[in-house]
Amino acid sequence: MIRSKLWCLLLFLSPAVSMAVEEVIIPTETQVLGGWNKLPLQTEKADELKALVELWYNRQSDSPYLYKAKGVNARMQVTDRINYELKVIMIPTGCLKDENENCLTPSETDRPSDAKVEKCVFRIEEARPTFKSAVTGHRCMTDNI
């Protein structure tokens, strides 16, 4: 008698045990492989890229002044390498390049009148296998701020 009750209980529970549960995942944003995606400016990577373009710009610039980058927009693309595009405003500081490279705090009162503010777009690439960041191109326009 106990055996038949146990058998009935097992038959009753077996469909519930064997039913598969399927989770439905609804994508909130679809990213296209090889397409450009937004990179938030409040990330460590965006800060690293900003520091890279500041250093690169200050070494390449003919200006005697050091410039500080103010981030505007950043995006990234993953292909066989990682590509970044960083839009920044390059703001001259009151510091001369020969003086001190740590003096990079722009201020309205310290900004030299003969130095120009520039809006720039930088292309940065991280190639495999090292994934070391390097500026591969840029274009800048003088801005009347």
C-alpha atoms as a PDB file:
ATOM      1  CA  MET A   1       0.000   0.000   0.000  1.00  0.00           C
ATOM      2  CA  ILE A   2       2.786   2.458   0.885  1.00  0.00           C
ATOM      3  CA  ARG A   3       4.576   1.504  -2.291  1.00  0.00           C
ATOM      4  CA  SER A   4       1.537   2.335  -4.485  1.00  0.00           C
ATOM      5  CA  LYS A   5       1.044   5.715  -2.789  1.00  0.00           C
ATOM      6  CA  LEU A   6       4.714   6.570  -3.324  1.00  0.00           C
ATOM      7  CA  TRP A   7       4.461   5.530  -6.986  1.00  0.00           C
ATOM      8  CA  CYS A   8       1.396   7.754  -7.499  1.00  0.00           C
ATOM      9  CA  LEU A   9       3.197  10.665  -5.855  1.00  0.00           C
ATOM     10  CA  LEU A  10       6.207  10.209  -8.141  1.00  0.00           C
ATOM     11  CA  LEU A  11       3.985  10.082 -11.236  1.00  0.00           C
ATOM     12  CA  PHE A  12       2.234  13.243 -10.113  1.00  0.00           C
ATOM     13  CA  LEU A  13       5.491  15.198  -9.520  1.00  0.00           C
ATOM     14  CA  SER A  14       7.535  13.974 -12.493  1.00  0.00           C
ATOM     15  CA  PRO A  15       6.144  16.429 -15.134  1.00  0.00           C
ATOM     16  CA  ALA A  16       6.918  19.371 -12.849  1.00  0.00           C
ATOM     17  CA  VAL A  17      10.479  18.214 -12.282  1.00  0.00           C
ATOM     18  CA  SER A  18      11.243  17.658 -15.961  1.00  0.00           C
ATOM     19  CA  MET A  19       9.866  20.964 -17.247  1.00  0.00           C
ATOM     20  CA  ALA A  20      12.583  23.285 -18.536  1.00  0.00           C
ATOM     21  CA  VAL A  21      12.575  26.907 -17.487  1.00  0.00           C
ATOM     22  CA  GLU A  22      13.553  29.302 -20.259  1.00  0.00           C
ATOM     23  CA  GLU A  23      14.714  32.806 -19.405  1.00  0.00           C
ATOM     24  CA  VAL A  24      13.719  35.504 -21.865  1.00  0.00           C
ATOM     25  CA  ILE A  25      16.426  38.124 -22.342  1.00  0.00           C
ATOM     26  CA  ILE A  26      15.331  41.342 -23.989  1.00  0.00           C
ATOM     27  CA  PRO A  27      18.249  43.448 -25.256  1.00  0.00           C
ATOM     28  CA  THR A  28      18.068  47.093 -24.302  1.00  0.00           C
ATOM     29  CA  GLU A  29      20.633  48.156 -26.894  1.00  0.00           C
ATOM     30  CA  THR A  30      22.008  46.153 -29.778  1.00  0.00           C
ATOM     31  CA  GLN A  31      25.649  46.725 -30.636  1.00  0.00           C
ATOM     32  CA  VAL A  32      26.762  46.130 -34.180  1.00  0.00           C
ATOM     33  CA  LEU A  33      29.967  44.149 -34.559  1.00  0.00           C
ATOM     34  CA  GLY A  34      32.588  46.577 -35.848  1.00  0.00           C
ATOM     35  CA  GLY A  35      30.272  49.536 -35.211  1.00  0.00           C
ATOM     36  CA  TRP A  36      31.008  52.570 -33.083  1.00  0.00           C
ATOM     37  CA  ASN A  37      29.697  52.578 -29.499  1.00  0.00           C
ATOM     38  CA  LYS A  38      29.590  55.374 -26.953  1.00  0.00           C
ATOM     39  CA  LEU A  39      32.328  55.367 -24.316  1.00  0.00           C
ATOM     40  CA  PRO A  40      31.196  57.176 -21.146  1.00  0.00           C
ATOM     41  CA  LEU A  41      33.497  60.050 -20.187  1.00  0.00           C
ATOM     42  CA  GLN A  42      33.298  59.115 -16.485  1.00  0.00           C
ATOM     43  CA  THR A  43      35.361  55.949 -16.936  1.00  0.00           C
ATOM     44  CA  GLU A  44      38.972  55.153 -16.175  1.00  0.00           C
ATOM     45  CA  LYS A  45      39.569  54.405 -19.876  1.00  0.00           C
ATOM     46  CA  ALA A  46      38.276  57.830 -20.961  1.00  0.00           C
ATOM     47  CA  ASP A  47      40.558  59.498 -18.383  1.00  0.00           C
ATOM     48  CA  GLU A  48      43.497  57.460 -19.681  1.00  0.00           C
ATOM     49  CA  LEU A  49      42.749  58.515 -23.279  1.00  0.00           C
ATOM     50  CA  LYS A  50      42.425  62.177 -22.242  1.00  0.00           C
ATOM     51  CA  ALA A  51      45.826  62.032 -20.529  1.00  0.00           C
ATOM     52  CA  LEU A  52      47.313  60.427 -23.658  1.00  0.00           C
ATOM     53  CA  VAL A  53      46.002  63.155 -25.999  1.00  0.00           C
ATOM     54  CA  GLU A  54      47.153  65.908 -23.613  1.00  0.00           C
ATOM     55  CA  LEU A  55      50.665  64.508 -23.581  1.00  0.00           C
ATOM     56  CA  TRP A  56      50.678  63.949 -27.362  1.00  0.00           C
ATOM     57  CA  TYR A  57      49.223  67.398 -28.137  1.00  0.00           C
ATOM     58  CA  ASN A  58      51.653  69.209 -25.837  1.00  0.00           C
ATOM     59  CA  ARG A  59      54.613  67.449 -27.461  1.00  0.00           C
ATOM     60  CA  GLN A  60      53.387  68.138 -31.029  1.00  0.00           C
ATOM     61  CA  SER A  61      52.112  71.685 -30.554  1.00  0.00           C
ATOM     62  CA  ASP A  62      54.213  74.697 -31.560  1.00  0.00           C
ATOM     63  CA  SER A  63      52.653  76.714 -28.767  1.00  0.00           C
ATOM     64  CA  PRO A  64      54.936  77.630 -25.858  1.00  0.00           C
ATOM     65  CA  TYR A  65      52.005  76.919 -23.476  1.00  0.00           C
ATOM     66  CA  LEU A  66      50.814  73.636 -22.014  1.00  0.00           C
ATOM     67  CA  TYR A  67      47.246  72.599 -22.883  1.00  0.00           C
ATOM     68  CA  LYS A  68      44.642  70.717 -20.857  1.00  0.00           C
ATOM     69  CA  ALA A  69      42.009  68.499 -22.533  1.00  0.00           C
ATOM     70  CA  LYS A  70      38.363  68.880 -21.560  1.00  0.00           C
ATOM     71  CA  GLY A  71      36.375  65.818 -22.665  1.00  0.00           C
ATOM     72  CA  VAL A  72      33.289  66.331 -24.794  1.00  0.00           C
ATOM     73  CA  ASN A  73      32.554  62.970 -26.396  1.00  0.00           C
ATOM     74  CA  ALA A  74      34.180  59.552 -26.725  1.00  0.00           C
ATOM     75  CA  ARG A  75      33.373  56.410 -28.650  1.00  0.00           C
ATOM     76  CA  MET A  76      35.002  53.080 -29.389  1.00  0.00           C
ATOM     77  CA  GLN A  77      35.031  50.429 -32.086  1.00  0.00           C
ATOM     78  CA  VAL A  78      36.122  46.818 -31.692  1.00  0.00           C
ATOM     79  CA  THR A  79      37.564  45.145 -34.789  1.00  0.00           C
ATOM     80  CA  ASP A  80      40.853  43.250 -34.986  1.00  0.00           C
ATOM     81  CA  ARG A  81      42.036  46.120 -32.768  1.00  0.00           C
ATOM     82  CA  ILE A  82      40.284  48.679 -30.567  1.00  0.00           C
ATOM     83  CA  ASN A  83      39.765  52.114 -32.087  1.00  0.00           C
ATOM     84  CA  TYR A  84      38.782  55.190 -30.098  1.00  0.00           C
ATOM     85  CA  GLU A  85      37.595  58.611 -31.183  1.00  0.00           C
ATOM     86  CA  LEU A  86      37.900  61.329 -28.583  1.00  0.00           C
ATOM     87  CA  LYS A  87      36.419  64.798 -29.072  1.00  0.00           C
ATOM     88  CA  VAL A  88      37.953  67.327 -26.715  1.00  0.00           C
ATOM     89  CA  ILE A  89      38.468  71.028 -26.223  1.00  0.00           C
ATOM     90  CA  MET A  90      42.148  71.837 -25.799  1.00  0.00           C
ATOM     91  CA  ILE A  91      42.432  74.712 -23.343  1.00  0.00           C
ATOM     92  CA  PRO A  92      45.720  76.596 -22.899  1.00  0.00           C
ATOM     93  CA  THR A  93      46.989  76.937 -19.364  1.00  0.00           C
ATOM     94  CA  GLY A  94      49.086  79.776 -18.048  1.00  0.00           C
ATOM     95  CA  CYS A  95      52.058  77.427 -17.806  1.00  0.00           C
ATOM     96  CA  LEU A  96      54.916  77.475 -20.262  1.00  0.00           C
ATOM     97  CA  LYS A  97      56.204  74.116 -21.510  1.00  0.00           C
ATOM     98  CA  ASP A  98      59.689  74.872 -20.225  1.00  0.00           C
ATOM     99  CA  GLU A  99      58.466  75.606 -16.705  1.00  0.00           C
ATOM    100  CA  ASN A 100      56.597  72.657 -15.227  1.00  0.00           C
ATOM    101  CA  GLU A 101      54.564  69.906 -16.877  1.00  0.00           C
ATOM    102  CA  ASN A 102      52.555  69.368 -13.677  1.00  0.00           C
ATOM    103  CA  CYS A 103      50.995  72.829 -14.004  1.00  0.00           C
ATOM    104  CA  LEU A 104      47.955  71.842 -16.076  1.00  0.00           C
ATOM    105  CA  THR A 105      45.035  73.487 -14.305  1.00  0.00           C
ATOM    106  CA  PRO A 106      43.298  75.841 -16.726  1.00  0.00           C
ATOM    107  CA  SER A 107      41.889  78.992 -15.284  1.00  0.00           C
ATOM    108  CA  GLU A 108      40.120  81.917 -16.934  1.00  0.00           C
ATOM    109  CA  THR A 109      42.502  84.373 -15.290  1.00  0.00           C
ATOM    110  CA  ASP A 110      45.661  82.388 -16.125  1.00  0.00           C
ATOM    111  CA  ARG A 111      44.747  81.726 -19.754  1.00  0.00           C
ATOM    112  CA  PRO A 112      47.179  83.565 -22.030  1.00  0.00           C
ATOM    113  CA  SER A 113      45.491  85.954 -24.462  1.00  0.00           C
ATOM    114  CA  ASP A 114      47.760  84.948 -27.354  1.00  0.00           C
ATOM    115  CA  ALA A 115      47.031  81.181 -27.022  1.00  0.00           C
ATOM    116  CA  LYS A 116      44.010  79.741 -28.848  1.00  0.00           C
ATOM    117  CA  VAL A 117      41.409  77.298 -27.575  1.00  0.00           C
ATOM    118  CA  GLU A 118      40.973  74.435 -30.039  1.00  0.00           C
ATOM    119  CA  LYS A 119      38.251  71.853 -30.647  1.00  0.00           C
ATOM    120  CA  CYS A 120      39.944  68.595 -31.588  1.00  0.00           C
ATOM    121  CA  VAL A 121      39.069  65.077 -32.648  1.00  0.00           C
ATOM    122  CA  PHE A 122      41.706  62.439 -31.903  1.00  0.00           C
ATOM    123  CA  ARG A 123      41.858  58.919 -33.304  1.00  0.00           C
ATOM    124  CA  ILE A 124      43.534  56.445 -30.975  1.00  0.00           C
ATOM    125  CA  GLU A 125      44.314  52.822 -31.695  1.00  0.00           C
ATOM    126  CA  GLU A 126      45.114  49.845 -29.500  1.00  0.00           C
ATOM    127  CA  ALA A 127      46.584  47.128 -31.711  1.00  0.00           C
ATOM    128  CA  ARG A 128      47.106  43.507 -30.760  1.00  0.00           C
ATOM    129  CA  PRO A 129      48.969  41.834 -29.124  1.00  0.00           C
ATOM    130  CA  THR A 130      50.151  44.635 -26.800  1.00  0.00           C
ATOM    131  CA  PHE A 131      47.025  46.831 -26.869  1.00  0.00           C
ATOM    132  CA  LYS A 132      49.219  49.854 -26.226  1.00  0.00           C
ATOM    133  CA  SER A 133      47.360  53.100 -27.003  1.00  0.00           C
ATOM    134  CA  ALA A 134      48.732  55.366 -29.732  1.00  0.00           C
ATOM    135  CA  VAL A 135      47.355  58.494 -31.400  1.00  0.00           C
ATOM    136  CA  THR A 136      46.932  57.683 -35.094  1.00  0.00           C
ATOM    137  CA  GLY A 137      45.376  60.945 -36.249  1.00  0.00           C
ATOM    138  CA  HIS A 138      43.813  64.204 -35.217  1.00  0.00           C
ATOM    139  CA  ARG A 139      42.247  67.382 -36.535  1.00  0.00           C
ATOM    140  CA  CYS A 140      41.759  70.627 -34.649  1.00  0.00           C
ATOM    141  CA  MET A 141      39.923  73.870 -35.287  1.00  0.00           C
ATOM    142  CA  THR A 142      40.553  77.118 -33.456  1.00  0.00           C
ATOM    143  CA  ASP A 143      37.571  78.109 -31.358  1.00  0.00           C
ATOM    144  CA  ASN A 144      36.679  81.619 -30.245  1.00  0.00           C
ATOM    145  CA  ILE A 145      35.779  80.888 -26.642  1.00  0.00           C
END
